[in-house]
Amino acid sequence: MMTVWLDNIRLEVNPMLNIISDRVGTSYADPPMFVWGNSIVRSRLQYSRSSDFPEDATVTATTDWNFHTPAEPIGAGEWFWRTYTETELTEGWGEIRRLVIPEEAHRFTTPAVDAAALAAMPRPRL
């Protein structure tokens, strides 16, 4: 067994940059399912038609999962989205991603599901 003492080590984490990704996703479902990395912490999702995320034209959702589907269709066109994550080592908004929803996308409504009540059932089913 080896013991390592970290008395004189300083960690510096660069701030997360708001960079627009080159990747463009396409969703043929409206509302789309926003999915991001393997997050095990509470995250915030923001989506907007503007990459500047103006407060009056941005939707913010908080989730304990690494995905989110809005309850109602958000509309065809180009959307920008990002996630905010806070951990012991870093916090901030991740890269800005682009999503296109074509006019012919299937539109539907998803009712809210009480995940805690569902998980408490003896044999949870959706």
C-alpha atoms as a PDB file:
ATOM      1  CA  MET A   1       0.000   0.000   0.000  1.00  0.00           C
ATOM      2  CA  MET A   2       1.250   3.485  -0.840  1.00  0.00           C
ATOM      3  CA  THR A   3       0.258   6.780   0.746  1.00  0.00           C
ATOM      4  CA  VAL A   4       0.434   9.976  -1.299  1.00  0.00           C
ATOM      5  CA  TRP A   5       0.300  13.321   0.472  1.00  0.00           C
ATOM      6  CA  LEU A   6      -1.025  16.227  -1.566  1.00  0.00           C
ATOM      7  CA  ASP A   7      -0.024  19.128   0.665  1.00  0.00           C
ATOM      8  CA  ASN A   8       1.486  21.374  -1.977  1.00  0.00           C
ATOM      9  CA  ILE A   9      -0.730  20.781  -4.967  1.00  0.00           C
ATOM     10  CA  ARG A  10      -3.028  23.470  -6.268  1.00  0.00           C
ATOM     11  CA  LEU A  11      -5.731  22.676  -8.787  1.00  0.00           C
ATOM     12  CA  GLU A  12      -6.832  25.309 -11.249  1.00  0.00           C
ATOM     13  CA  VAL A  13      -9.808  24.761 -13.458  1.00  0.00           C
ATOM     14  CA  ASN A  14     -10.323  27.032 -16.413  1.00  0.00           C
ATOM     15  CA  PRO A  15     -13.783  28.530 -16.686  1.00  0.00           C
ATOM     16  CA  MET A  16     -16.129  26.804 -19.089  1.00  0.00           C
ATOM     17  CA  LEU A  17     -16.399  28.699 -22.357  1.00  0.00           C
ATOM     18  CA  ASN A  18     -19.641  29.396 -24.163  1.00  0.00           C
ATOM     19  CA  ILE A  19     -18.579  27.990 -27.513  1.00  0.00           C
ATOM     20  CA  ILE A  20     -21.089  27.002 -30.173  1.00  0.00           C
ATOM     21  CA  SER A  21     -20.449  23.424 -31.222  1.00  0.00           C
ATOM     22  CA  ASP A  22     -19.920  22.591 -34.900  1.00  0.00           C
ATOM     23  CA  ARG A  23     -22.275  19.633 -34.550  1.00  0.00           C
ATOM     24  CA  VAL A  24     -25.905  20.161 -35.518  1.00  0.00           C
ATOM     25  CA  GLY A  25     -28.533  17.717 -34.302  1.00  0.00           C
ATOM     26  CA  THR A  26     -31.856  17.103 -36.022  1.00  0.00           C
ATOM     27  CA  SER A  27     -34.983  15.993 -34.203  1.00  0.00           C
ATOM     28  CA  TYR A  28     -37.959  14.606 -36.104  1.00  0.00           C
ATOM     29  CA  ALA A  29     -39.933  14.725 -32.868  1.00  0.00           C
ATOM     30  CA  ASP A  30     -41.313  17.909 -31.345  1.00  0.00           C
ATOM     31  CA  PRO A  31     -40.793  18.225 -28.430  1.00  0.00           C
ATOM     32  CA  PRO A  32     -37.247  16.920 -28.787  1.00  0.00           C
ATOM     33  CA  MET A  33     -35.404  14.924 -26.155  1.00  0.00           C
ATOM     34  CA  PHE A  34     -32.336  16.848 -25.016  1.00  0.00           C
ATOM     35  CA  VAL A  35     -29.622  14.377 -23.955  1.00  0.00           C
ATOM     36  CA  TRP A  36     -26.140  15.175 -22.660  1.00  0.00           C
ATOM     37  CA  GLY A  37     -23.160  13.360 -21.040  1.00  0.00           C
ATOM     38  CA  ASN A  38     -23.218  10.978 -18.108  1.00  0.00           C
ATOM     39  CA  SER A  39     -24.361  13.473 -15.508  1.00  0.00           C
ATOM     40  CA  ILE A  40     -24.873  12.111 -11.999  1.00  0.00           C
ATOM     41  CA  VAL A  41     -25.551  15.512 -10.488  1.00  0.00           C
ATOM     42  CA  ARG A  42     -28.457  17.895 -10.798  1.00  0.00           C
ATOM     43  CA  SER A  43     -28.205  19.843 -14.030  1.00  0.00           C
ATOM     44  CA  ARG A  44     -29.918  22.819 -15.597  1.00  0.00           C
ATOM     45  CA  LEU A  45     -30.869  22.878 -19.241  1.00  0.00           C
ATOM     46  CA  GLN A  46     -31.495  26.042 -21.216  1.00  0.00           C
ATOM     47  CA  TYR A  47     -32.868  26.221 -24.737  1.00  0.00           C
ATOM     48  CA  SER A  48     -33.591  29.238 -26.886  1.00  0.00           C
ATOM     49  CA  ARG A  49     -33.838  30.367 -30.500  1.00  0.00           C
ATOM     50  CA  SER A  50     -30.879  32.670 -29.820  1.00  0.00           C
ATOM     51  CA  SER A  51     -27.344  31.550 -28.967  1.00  0.00           C
ATOM     52  CA  ASP A  52     -27.173  34.539 -26.596  1.00  0.00           C
ATOM     53  CA  PHE A  53     -29.897  32.988 -24.385  1.00  0.00           C
ATOM     54  CA  PRO A  54     -31.798  36.212 -23.612  1.00  0.00           C
ATOM     55  CA  GLU A  55     -33.651  35.907 -20.324  1.00  0.00           C
ATOM     56  CA  ASP A  56     -37.068  36.724 -21.790  1.00  0.00           C
ATOM     57  CA  ALA A  57     -36.760  34.174 -24.637  1.00  0.00           C
ATOM     58  CA  THR A  58     -35.037  31.253 -22.888  1.00  0.00           C
ATOM     59  CA  VAL A  59     -36.564  28.212 -21.207  1.00  0.00           C
ATOM     60  CA  THR A  60     -34.690  26.809 -18.196  1.00  0.00           C
ATOM     61  CA  ALA A  61     -35.379  23.335 -16.782  1.00  0.00           C
ATOM     62  CA  THR A  62     -33.738  21.672 -13.765  1.00  0.00           C
ATOM     63  CA  THR A  63     -33.354  17.902 -13.811  1.00  0.00           C
ATOM     64  CA  ASP A  64     -31.707  15.121 -11.828  1.00  0.00           C
ATOM     65  CA  TRP A  65     -31.101  13.195 -15.048  1.00  0.00           C
ATOM     66  CA  ASN A  66     -28.948  13.666 -18.132  1.00  0.00           C
ATOM     67  CA  PHE A  67     -31.977  14.193 -20.374  1.00  0.00           C
ATOM     68  CA  HIS A  68     -35.092  16.344 -20.607  1.00  0.00           C
ATOM     69  CA  THR A  69     -38.138  16.389 -22.875  1.00  0.00           C
ATOM     70  CA  PRO A  70     -40.379  19.471 -22.727  1.00  0.00           C
ATOM     71  CA  ALA A  71     -44.047  18.695 -22.063  1.00  0.00           C
ATOM     72  CA  GLU A  72     -45.251  20.625 -25.134  1.00  0.00           C
ATOM     73  CA  PRO A  73     -43.913  21.042 -28.684  1.00  0.00           C
ATOM     74  CA  ILE A  74     -41.396  23.893 -28.920  1.00  0.00           C
ATOM     75  CA  GLY A  75     -41.764  24.575 -32.649  1.00  0.00           C
ATOM     76  CA  ALA A  76     -39.890  23.959 -35.867  1.00  0.00           C
ATOM     77  CA  GLY A  77     -36.681  25.808 -36.667  1.00  0.00           C
ATOM     78  CA  GLU A  78     -33.187  26.177 -35.239  1.00  0.00           C
ATOM     79  CA  TRP A  79     -32.698  25.990 -31.471  1.00  0.00           C
ATOM     80  CA  PHE A  80     -29.654  26.446 -29.255  1.00  0.00           C
ATOM     81  CA  TRP A  81     -29.227  24.589 -25.986  1.00  0.00           C
ATOM     82  CA  ARG A  82     -26.706  24.171 -23.183  1.00  0.00           C
ATOM     83  CA  THR A  83     -26.418  22.591 -19.752  1.00  0.00           C
ATOM     84  CA  TYR A  84     -25.111  23.951 -16.453  1.00  0.00           C
ATOM     85  CA  THR A  85     -23.351  21.531 -14.159  1.00  0.00           C
ATOM     86  CA  GLU A  86     -21.837  22.142 -10.748  1.00  0.00           C
ATOM     87  CA  THR A  87     -19.374  19.695  -9.194  1.00  0.00           C
ATOM     88  CA  GLU A  88     -16.580  19.914  -6.633  1.00  0.00           C
ATOM     89  CA  LEU A  89     -14.076  20.803  -9.358  1.00  0.00           C
ATOM     90  CA  THR A  90     -16.008  22.886 -11.843  1.00  0.00           C
ATOM     91  CA  GLU A  91     -19.212  24.727 -12.506  1.00  0.00           C
ATOM     92  CA  GLY A  92     -20.664  26.566 -15.427  1.00  0.00           C
ATOM     93  CA  TRP A  93     -22.431  26.311 -18.737  1.00  0.00           C
ATOM     94  CA  GLY A  94     -21.178  23.711 -21.191  1.00  0.00           C
ATOM     95  CA  GLU A  95     -20.817  24.129 -24.926  1.00  0.00           C
ATOM     96  CA  ILE A  96     -23.740  25.533 -26.858  1.00  0.00           C
ATOM     97  CA  ARG A  97     -25.322  22.937 -29.110  1.00  0.00           C
ATOM     98  CA  ARG A  98     -27.567  23.473 -32.108  1.00  0.00           C
ATOM     99  CA  LEU A  99     -30.731  21.532 -32.833  1.00  0.00           C
ATOM    100  CA  VAL A 100     -32.920  21.733 -35.933  1.00  0.00           C
ATOM    101  CA  ILE A 101     -36.548  20.648 -35.831  1.00  0.00           C
ATOM    102  CA  PRO A 102     -37.920  20.334 -39.385  1.00  0.00           C
ATOM    103  CA  GLU A 103     -41.449  21.412 -40.280  1.00  0.00           C
ATOM    104  CA  GLU A 104     -42.432  17.765 -40.874  1.00  0.00           C
ATOM    105  CA  ALA A 105     -41.432  16.716 -37.339  1.00  0.00           C
ATOM    106  CA  HIS A 106     -44.012  14.656 -35.433  1.00  0.00           C
ATOM    107  CA  ARG A 107     -45.657  16.871 -32.812  1.00  0.00           C
ATOM    108  CA  PHE A 108     -46.986  15.461 -29.547  1.00  0.00           C
ATOM    109  CA  THR A 109     -47.542  16.296 -25.886  1.00  0.00           C
ATOM    110  CA  THR A 110     -45.874  14.406 -23.020  1.00  0.00           C
ATOM    111  CA  PRO A 111     -47.694  14.534 -19.677  1.00  0.00           C
ATOM    112  CA  ALA A 112     -45.534  14.996 -16.595  1.00  0.00           C
ATOM    113  CA  VAL A 113     -44.605  11.826 -14.696  1.00  0.00           C
ATOM    114  CA  ASP A 114     -44.034  11.890 -10.944  1.00  0.00           C
ATOM    115  CA  ALA A 115     -40.769   9.902 -10.934  1.00  0.00           C
ATOM    116  CA  ALA A 116     -40.613   9.671  -7.122  1.00  0.00           C
ATOM    117  CA  ALA A 117     -44.125   8.188  -6.888  1.00  0.00           C
ATOM    118  CA  LEU A 118     -43.362   5.835  -9.766  1.00  0.00           C
ATOM    119  CA  ALA A 119     -40.120   4.639  -8.152  1.00  0.00           C
ATOM    120  CA  ALA A 120     -41.938   4.007  -4.850  1.00  0.00           C
ATOM    121  CA  MET A 121     -44.300   1.511  -6.508  1.00  0.00           C
ATOM    122  CA  PRO A 122     -43.515  -2.193  -5.921  1.00  0.00           C
ATOM    123  CA  ARG A 123     -43.177  -2.814  -9.677  1.00  0.00           C
ATOM    124  CA  PRO A 124     -42.746   0.552 -11.415  1.00  0.00           C
ATOM    125  CA  ARG A 125     -44.180   0.794 -14.911  1.00  0.00           C
ATOM    126  CA  LEU A 126     -44.693   3.664 -17.315  1.00  0.00           C
END
